[in-house]
Amino acid sequence: MDNFNLPNFNIDFGNFDPLEITSDETINAVLIVDVSPSVGSYVDELNNSFKEFLEEMQRSHVAEKLMVSIIEFNDQITVRTGFQPINSIDLNKMKFTPCGYGTALYDAVLYGITNAVDYRTNLENSGVNCKTLIFTITDGEDNSSKNSATVVKSGLDTILKEEQNAFNFETILFGVGNDSSFEAAQKDMGIEHLAKIGNSGKEIRKMIGFISASISQSSSANNPVVF
């Protein structure tokens, strides 16, 4: 990944020390979550489902090798946690609160993939193999980013050109609601998969369940993630 060169955000993500990882493989999951005011209509269901997701993952067969990073965004980007073992994440503190006034979708995805690639490189240099899954959840069109979708796409194109990343680096955009911009955002950023869902409690739970299943499924070398 030496040719991958995205902007330096000068942010300490506080990632877990690669030298302290005892497993020879990790699953690195990034969750990039929209917390702009419009998510208020479904934030309770999102928080409830997200807590259940964390609880399930902490009990799962992949817990020992699952590293999770959580980023939230409105018009600004907030790193809730860099890559940390799933069992170290405090369930009661990981809640989303609608705030701000805009949607910096491109910047948020750029933050997520930049840290994911940096951490992946550090792990591989330590002899640890990685699978990376990046899940982005948004209900609106970008209106606040300083970086363009083209910058995101250029970075992802570089990653996916490397043969070893063909099945080990997956990206999916969840578009919540009926906004017409989701298809364009997926294409313009070079995100591989798009899932459009409603904002009902049932649909939010389904989305979080899909994330859980994708992470669990990715633990098998013979059973690649299917979107």
C-alpha atoms as a PDB file:
ATOM      1  CA  MET A   1       0.000   0.000   0.000  1.00  0.00           C
ATOM      2  CA  ASP A   2       2.984   2.282  -0.414  1.00  0.00           C
ATOM      3  CA  ASN A   3       1.272   4.187  -3.238  1.00  0.00           C
ATOM      4  CA  PHE A   4      -1.759   5.048  -1.146  1.00  0.00           C
ATOM      5  CA  ASN A   5      -1.412   8.728  -0.293  1.00  0.00           C
ATOM      6  CA  LEU A   6      -4.350  10.508   1.274  1.00  0.00           C
ATOM      7  CA  PRO A   7      -4.300  13.782   3.216  1.00  0.00           C
ATOM      8  CA  ASN A   8      -2.635  13.774   6.621  1.00  0.00           C
ATOM      9  CA  PHE A   9      -5.368  14.750   9.070  1.00  0.00           C
ATOM     10  CA  ASN A  10      -2.890  15.056  11.959  1.00  0.00           C
ATOM     11  CA  ILE A  11      -5.247  13.118  14.198  1.00  0.00           C
ATOM     12  CA  ASP A  12      -4.245  10.550  16.771  1.00  0.00           C
ATOM     13  CA  PHE A  13      -6.821   7.814  16.342  1.00  0.00           C
ATOM     14  CA  GLY A  14      -5.537   6.022  19.420  1.00  0.00           C
ATOM     15  CA  ASN A  15      -5.267   2.679  17.677  1.00  0.00           C
ATOM     16  CA  PHE A  16      -4.405  -0.452  19.649  1.00  0.00           C
ATOM     17  CA  ASP A  17      -0.692  -1.270  19.560  1.00  0.00           C
ATOM     18  CA  PRO A  18      -0.103  -3.843  16.776  1.00  0.00           C
ATOM     19  CA  LEU A  19       2.752  -5.346  18.786  1.00  0.00           C
ATOM     20  CA  GLU A  20       0.278  -6.373  21.505  1.00  0.00           C
ATOM     21  CA  ILE A  21      -1.913  -8.384  19.142  1.00  0.00           C
ATOM     22  CA  THR A  22      -1.406 -12.108  19.696  1.00  0.00           C
ATOM     23  CA  SER A  23      -3.586 -13.381  16.839  1.00  0.00           C
ATOM     24  CA  ASP A  24      -2.060 -13.935  13.402  1.00  0.00           C
ATOM     25  CA  GLU A  25      -5.134 -12.400  11.759  1.00  0.00           C
ATOM     26  CA  THR A  26      -7.525  -9.572  12.555  1.00  0.00           C
ATOM     27  CA  ILE A  27     -10.852  -8.386  11.237  1.00  0.00           C
ATOM     28  CA  ASN A  28     -10.770  -4.598  11.154  1.00  0.00           C
ATOM     29  CA  ALA A  29     -14.274  -3.123  11.053  1.00  0.00           C
ATOM     30  CA  VAL A  30     -14.841   0.611  10.580  1.00  0.00           C
ATOM     31  CA  LEU A  31     -18.282   2.057  11.295  1.00  0.00           C
ATOM     32  CA  ILE A  32     -18.797   5.585   9.958  1.00  0.00           C
ATOM     33  CA  VAL A  33     -22.095   6.946  11.276  1.00  0.00           C
ATOM     34  CA  ASP A  34     -24.074  10.050  10.307  1.00  0.00           C
ATOM     35  CA  VAL A  35     -25.195  11.998  13.404  1.00  0.00           C
ATOM     36  CA  SER A  36     -26.558  15.107  11.655  1.00  0.00           C
ATOM     37  CA  PRO A  37     -29.908  16.387  13.019  1.00  0.00           C
ATOM     38  CA  SER A  38     -31.969  14.450  10.468  1.00  0.00           C
ATOM     39  CA  VAL A  39     -31.088  11.128  12.130  1.00  0.00           C
ATOM     40  CA  GLY A  40     -33.195  12.129  15.126  1.00  0.00           C
ATOM     41  CA  SER A  41     -36.218  10.290  13.753  1.00  0.00           C
ATOM     42  CA  TYR A  42     -34.504   6.915  14.130  1.00  0.00           C
ATOM     43  CA  VAL A  43     -31.601   7.490  16.530  1.00  0.00           C
ATOM     44  CA  ASP A  44     -33.221   5.536  19.386  1.00  0.00           C
ATOM     45  CA  GLU A  45     -33.519   2.431  17.227  1.00  0.00           C
ATOM     46  CA  LEU A  46     -29.986   2.982  15.949  1.00  0.00           C
ATOM     47  CA  ASN A  47     -28.598   3.200  19.476  1.00  0.00           C
ATOM     48  CA  ASN A  48     -30.535   0.161  20.689  1.00  0.00           C
ATOM     49  CA  SER A  49     -29.511  -1.920  17.675  1.00  0.00           C
ATOM     50  CA  PHE A  50     -25.912  -0.749  17.878  1.00  0.00           C
ATOM     51  CA  LYS A  51     -25.662  -1.755  21.526  1.00  0.00           C
ATOM     52  CA  GLU A  52     -27.045  -5.189  20.640  1.00  0.00           C
ATOM     53  CA  PHE A  53     -24.470  -5.400  17.848  1.00  0.00           C
ATOM     54  CA  LEU A  54     -21.599  -4.675  20.241  1.00  0.00           C
ATOM     55  CA  GLU A  55     -22.941  -7.197  22.759  1.00  0.00           C
ATOM     56  CA  GLU A  56     -23.281  -9.865  20.078  1.00  0.00           C
ATOM     57  CA  MET A  57     -19.794  -9.248  18.712  1.00  0.00           C
ATOM     58  CA  GLN A  58     -18.269  -9.358  22.190  1.00  0.00           C
ATOM     59  CA  ARG A  59     -19.780 -12.840  22.642  1.00  0.00           C
ATOM     60  CA  SER A  60     -19.032 -14.067  19.138  1.00  0.00           C
ATOM     61  CA  HIS A  61     -16.438 -16.501  17.852  1.00  0.00           C
ATOM     62  CA  VAL A  62     -14.603 -13.610  16.167  1.00  0.00           C
ATOM     63  CA  ALA A  63     -14.252 -11.504  19.323  1.00  0.00           C
ATOM     64  CA  GLU A  64     -10.600 -12.399  19.905  1.00  0.00           C
ATOM     65  CA  LYS A  65      -9.547 -11.006  16.536  1.00  0.00           C
ATOM     66  CA  LEU A  66     -12.120  -8.262  15.932  1.00  0.00           C
ATOM     67  CA  MET A  67     -10.845  -4.689  15.992  1.00  0.00           C
ATOM     68  CA  VAL A  68     -13.411  -1.898  15.690  1.00  0.00           C
ATOM     69  CA  SER A  69     -13.097   1.794  14.888  1.00  0.00           C
ATOM     70  CA  ILE A  70     -16.109   4.106  15.195  1.00  0.00           C
ATOM     71  CA  ILE A  71     -16.314   7.502  13.510  1.00  0.00           C
ATOM     72  CA  GLU A  72     -19.318   9.826  13.570  1.00  0.00           C
ATOM     73  CA  PHE A  73     -19.989  12.863  11.458  1.00  0.00           C
ATOM     74  CA  ASN A  74     -22.238  15.834  10.886  1.00  0.00           C
ATOM     75  CA  ASP A  75     -20.581  18.954   9.469  1.00  0.00           C
ATOM     76  CA  GLN A  76     -17.542  17.875  11.529  1.00  0.00           C
ATOM     77  CA  ILE A  77     -15.779  14.553  12.040  1.00  0.00           C
ATOM     78  CA  THR A  78     -15.442  12.938  15.466  1.00  0.00           C
ATOM     79  CA  VAL A  79     -13.366   9.824  16.094  1.00  0.00           C
ATOM     80  CA  ARG A  80     -15.189   7.979  18.865  1.00  0.00           C
ATOM     81  CA  THR A  81     -12.532   5.295  18.903  1.00  0.00           C
ATOM     82  CA  GLY A  82      -9.618   4.198  16.787  1.00  0.00           C
ATOM     83  CA  PHE A  83      -9.105   0.482  16.210  1.00  0.00           C
ATOM     84  CA  GLN A  84      -9.596  -1.275  19.540  1.00  0.00           C
ATOM     85  CA  PRO A  85     -10.444  -4.853  20.509  1.00  0.00           C
ATOM     86  CA  ILE A  86     -14.213  -5.262  20.515  1.00  0.00           C
ATOM     87  CA  ASN A  87     -14.163  -6.389  24.152  1.00  0.00           C
ATOM     88  CA  SER A  88     -12.593  -3.113  25.275  1.00  0.00           C
ATOM     89  CA  ILE A  89     -15.459  -0.941  23.996  1.00  0.00           C
ATOM     90  CA  ASP A  90     -17.799   0.343  26.721  1.00  0.00           C
ATOM     91  CA  LEU A  91     -21.360  -0.457  25.645  1.00  0.00           C
ATOM     92  CA  ASN A  92     -22.889   2.259  27.794  1.00  0.00           C
ATOM     93  CA  LYS A  93     -20.758   5.065  26.388  1.00  0.00           C
ATOM     94  CA  MET A  94     -21.177   4.279  22.704  1.00  0.00           C
ATOM     95  CA  LYS A  95     -24.361   6.207  21.920  1.00  0.00           C
ATOM     96  CA  PHE A  96     -25.064   8.527  19.006  1.00  0.00           C
ATOM     97  CA  THR A  97     -26.642  11.952  19.546  1.00  0.00           C
ATOM     98  CA  PRO A  98     -27.978  14.042  16.632  1.00  0.00           C
ATOM     99  CA  CYS A  99     -26.142  17.374  16.486  1.00  0.00           C
ATOM    100  CA  GLY A 100     -24.447  19.868  14.183  1.00  0.00           C
ATOM    101  CA  TYR A 101     -25.989  21.188  11.027  1.00  0.00           C
ATOM    102  CA  GLY A 102     -24.462  19.507   7.964  1.00  0.00           C
ATOM    103  CA  THR A 103     -23.257  16.280   6.388  1.00  0.00           C
ATOM    104  CA  ALA A 104     -19.524  15.829   5.702  1.00  0.00           C
ATOM    105  CA  LEU A 105     -19.916  12.393   4.157  1.00  0.00           C
ATOM    106  CA  TYR A 106     -16.853  12.454   1.901  1.00  0.00           C
ATOM    107  CA  ASP A 107     -14.557  13.678   4.663  1.00  0.00           C
ATOM    108  CA  ALA A 108     -15.834  11.019   7.055  1.00  0.00           C
ATOM    109  CA  VAL A 109     -15.235   8.186   4.602  1.00  0.00           C
ATOM    110  CA  LEU A 110     -11.805   9.615   3.848  1.00  0.00           C
ATOM    111  CA  TYR A 111     -10.953   9.609   7.568  1.00  0.00           C
ATOM    112  CA  GLY A 112     -12.122   6.025   7.878  1.00  0.00           C
ATOM    113  CA  ILE A 113     -10.210   4.575   4.956  1.00  0.00           C
ATOM    114  CA  THR A 114      -7.065   6.584   5.730  1.00  0.00           C
ATOM    115  CA  ASN A 115      -6.852   5.205   9.254  1.00  0.00           C
ATOM    116  CA  ALA A 116      -7.845   1.726   8.061  1.00  0.00           C
ATOM    117  CA  VAL A 117      -5.014   1.620   5.543  1.00  0.00           C
ATOM    118  CA  ASP A 118      -2.463   3.046   7.981  1.00  0.00           C
ATOM    119  CA  TYR A 119      -3.404   0.506  10.641  1.00  0.00           C
ATOM    120  CA  ARG A 120      -3.538  -2.342   8.166  1.00  0.00           C
ATOM    121  CA  THR A 121      -0.012  -1.475   7.011  1.00  0.00           C
ATOM    122  CA  ASN A 122       1.249  -1.417  10.597  1.00  0.00           C
ATOM    123  CA  LEU A 123      -0.346  -4.778  11.319  1.00  0.00           C
ATOM    124  CA  GLU A 124       1.056  -6.381   8.185  1.00  0.00           C
ATOM    125  CA  ASN A 125       4.511  -5.054   9.051  1.00  0.00           C
ATOM    126  CA  SER A 126       4.086  -6.853  12.389  1.00  0.00           C
ATOM    127  CA  GLY A 127       3.221 -10.125  10.657  1.00  0.00           C
ATOM    128  CA  VAL A 128      -0.563  -9.909  11.167  1.00  0.00           C
ATOM    129  CA  ASN A 129      -2.914 -10.581   8.243  1.00  0.00           C
ATOM    130  CA  CYS A 130      -5.991  -8.344   7.975  1.00  0.00           C
ATOM    131  CA  LYS A 131      -9.461  -8.236   6.570  1.00  0.00           C
ATOM    132  CA  THR A 132     -10.951  -4.752   6.452  1.00  0.00           C
ATOM    133  CA  LEU A 133     -14.669  -3.925   6.321  1.00  0.00           C
ATOM    134  CA  ILE A 134     -15.823  -0.326   6.088  1.00  0.00           C
ATOM    135  CA  PHE A 135     -19.508   0.381   6.763  1.00  0.00           C
ATOM    136  CA  THR A 136     -20.865   3.895   6.229  1.00  0.00           C
ATOM    137  CA  ILE A 137     -24.359   4.871   7.400  1.00  0.00           C
ATOM    138  CA  THR A 138     -25.937   8.128   6.194  1.00  0.00           C
ATOM    139  CA  ASP A 139     -29.371   9.543   5.474  1.00  0.00           C
ATOM    140  CA  GLY A 140     -28.435  12.536   3.348  1.00  0.00           C
ATOM    141  CA  GLU A 141     -26.320  14.156   0.678  1.00  0.00           C
ATOM    142  CA  ASP A 142     -22.868  15.567   1.369  1.00  0.00           C
ATOM    143  CA  ASN A 143     -22.966  19.331   1.907  1.00  0.00           C
ATOM    144  CA  SER A 144     -20.035  20.043   4.237  1.00  0.00           C
ATOM    145  CA  SER A 145     -16.907  18.169   3.135  1.00  0.00           C
ATOM    146  CA  LYS A 146     -13.609  19.878   2.419  1.00  0.00           C
ATOM    147  CA  ASN A 147     -12.543  16.949   0.228  1.00  0.00           C
ATOM    148  CA  SER A 148     -14.256  15.755  -2.925  1.00  0.00           C
ATOM    149  CA  ALA A 149     -15.680  12.332  -3.689  1.00  0.00           C
ATOM    150  CA  THR A 150     -12.956  12.032  -6.341  1.00  0.00           C
ATOM    151  CA  VAL A 151     -10.271  12.013  -3.651  1.00  0.00           C
ATOM    152  CA  VAL A 152     -12.036   9.148  -1.889  1.00  0.00           C
ATOM    153  CA  LYS A 153     -12.413   7.202  -5.129  1.00  0.00           C
ATOM    154  CA  SER A 154      -8.770   7.658  -6.046  1.00  0.00           C
ATOM    155  CA  GLY A 155      -7.718   6.200  -2.712  1.00  0.00           C
ATOM    156  CA  LEU A 156     -10.070   3.233  -2.916  1.00  0.00           C
ATOM    157  CA  ASP A 157      -9.058   2.516  -6.516  1.00  0.00           C
ATOM    158  CA  THR A 158      -5.442   2.345  -5.394  1.00  0.00           C
ATOM    159  CA  ILE A 159      -6.291  -0.090  -2.603  1.00  0.00           C
ATOM    160  CA  LEU A 160      -8.332  -2.404  -4.788  1.00  0.00           C
ATOM    161  CA  LYS A 161      -5.713  -2.555  -7.531  1.00  0.00           C
ATOM    162  CA  GLU A 162      -3.561  -4.634  -5.192  1.00  0.00           C
ATOM    163  CA  GLU A 163      -4.333  -8.301  -5.673  1.00  0.00           C
ATOM    164  CA  GLN A 164      -4.192  -9.193  -1.977  1.00  0.00           C
ATOM    165  CA  ASN A 165      -6.996  -6.717  -1.278  1.00  0.00           C
ATOM    166  CA  ALA A 166      -9.472  -8.186  -3.766  1.00  0.00           C
ATOM    167  CA  PHE A 167     -11.447 -10.029  -1.063  1.00  0.00           C
ATOM    168  CA  ASN A 168      -9.875  -8.505   2.035  1.00  0.00           C
ATOM    169  CA  PHE A 169     -10.992  -4.891   1.764  1.00  0.00           C
ATOM    170  CA  GLU A 170     -14.743  -4.333   1.455  1.00  0.00           C
ATOM    171  CA  THR A 171     -16.772  -1.119   1.492  1.00  0.00           C
ATOM    172  CA  ILE A 172     -20.517  -0.628   1.745  1.00  0.00           C
ATOM    173  CA  LEU A 173     -22.710   2.449   1.974  1.00  0.00           C
ATOM    174  CA  PHE A 174     -26.054   2.217   3.773  1.00  0.00           C
ATOM    175  CA  GLY A 175     -28.425   4.905   2.545  1.00  0.00           C
ATOM    176  CA  VAL A 176     -31.174   5.424   5.112  1.00  0.00           C
ATOM    177  CA  GLY A 177     -34.426   6.862   3.791  1.00  0.00           C
ATOM    178  CA  ASN A 178     -35.416   8.108   0.358  1.00  0.00           C
ATOM    179  CA  ASP A 179     -32.679  10.589  -0.519  1.00  0.00           C
ATOM    180  CA  SER A 180     -31.920  10.413  -4.250  1.00  0.00           C
ATOM    181  CA  SER A 181     -28.189  11.049  -3.795  1.00  0.00           C
ATOM    182  CA  PHE A 182     -27.143   7.634  -2.494  1.00  0.00           C
ATOM    183  CA  GLU A 183     -26.391   6.037  -5.875  1.00  0.00           C
ATOM    184  CA  ALA A 184     -24.301   9.014  -6.955  1.00  0.00           C
ATOM    185  CA  ALA A 185     -22.394   9.049  -3.659  1.00  0.00           C
ATOM    186  CA  GLN A 186     -21.583   5.356  -3.960  1.00  0.00           C
ATOM    187  CA  LYS A 187     -20.378   5.697  -7.539  1.00  0.00           C
ATOM    188  CA  ASP A 188     -18.479   8.956  -7.061  1.00  0.00           C
ATOM    189  CA  MET A 189     -16.607   7.674  -3.976  1.00  0.00           C
ATOM    190  CA  GLY A 190     -15.885   4.272  -5.509  1.00  0.00           C
ATOM    191  CA  ILE A 191     -17.649   2.391  -2.708  1.00  0.00           C
ATOM    192  CA  GLU A 192     -18.239  -1.179  -3.819  1.00  0.00           C
ATOM    193  CA  HIS A 193     -21.725  -1.817  -2.479  1.00  0.00           C
ATOM    194  CA  LEU A 194     -24.896   0.157  -1.745  1.00  0.00           C
ATOM    195  CA  ALA A 195     -27.843  -0.877   0.405  1.00  0.00           C
ATOM    196  CA  LYS A 196     -30.832   1.458   0.596  1.00  0.00           C
ATOM    197  CA  ILE A 197     -33.004   0.934   3.645  1.00  0.00           C
ATOM    198  CA  GLY A 198     -35.963   2.572   5.329  1.00  0.00           C
ATOM    199  CA  ASN A 199     -35.696   4.399   8.636  1.00  0.00           C
ATOM    200  CA  SER A 200     -38.146   2.200  10.529  1.00  0.00           C
ATOM    201  CA  GLY A 201     -36.996   0.266  13.558  1.00  0.00           C
ATOM    202  CA  LYS A 202     -37.288  -2.977  11.622  1.00  0.00           C
ATOM    203  CA  GLU A 203     -35.069  -1.699   8.816  1.00  0.00           C
ATOM    204  CA  ILE A 204     -32.443  -0.291  11.186  1.00  0.00           C
ATOM    205  CA  ARG A 205     -32.254  -3.605  13.031  1.00  0.00           C
ATOM    206  CA  LYS A 206     -31.941  -5.397   9.712  1.00  0.00           C
ATOM    207  CA  MET A 207     -29.049  -3.149   8.715  1.00  0.00           C
ATOM    208  CA  ILE A 208     -27.174  -3.708  11.979  1.00  0.00           C
ATOM    209  CA  GLY A 209     -27.860  -7.431  11.709  1.00  0.00           C
ATOM    210  CA  PHE A 210     -26.329  -7.417   8.247  1.00  0.00           C
ATOM    211  CA  ILE A 211     -23.196  -5.735   9.617  1.00  0.00           C
ATOM    212  CA  SER A 212     -22.940  -8.407  12.331  1.00  0.00           C
ATOM    213  CA  ALA A 213     -23.352 -11.213   9.818  1.00  0.00           C
ATOM    214  CA  SER A 214     -20.810  -9.699   7.439  1.00  0.00           C
ATOM    215  CA  ILE A 215     -18.183  -9.478  10.167  1.00  0.00           C
ATOM    216  CA  SER A 216     -18.818 -13.030  11.337  1.00  0.00           C
ATOM    217  CA  GLN A 217     -18.785 -14.347   7.788  1.00  0.00           C
ATOM    218  CA  SER A 218     -15.508 -12.611   6.974  1.00  0.00           C
ATOM    219  CA  SER A 219     -13.691 -14.758   9.551  1.00  0.00           C
ATOM    220  CA  SER A 220     -13.704 -17.711   7.173  1.00  0.00           C
ATOM    221  CA  ALA A 221     -11.134 -17.675   4.389  1.00  0.00           C
ATOM    222  CA  ASN A 222     -13.374 -19.991   2.386  1.00  0.00           C
ATOM    223  CA  ASN A 223     -16.508 -17.966   2.919  1.00  0.00           C
ATOM    224  CA  PRO A 224     -16.066 -14.426   1.568  1.00  0.00           C
ATOM    225  CA  VAL A 225     -18.498 -11.684   2.502  1.00  0.00           C
ATOM    226  CA  VAL A 226     -21.505 -11.521   0.175  1.00  0.00           C
ATOM    227  CA  PHE A 227     -23.316  -8.182  -0.170  1.00  0.00           C
END
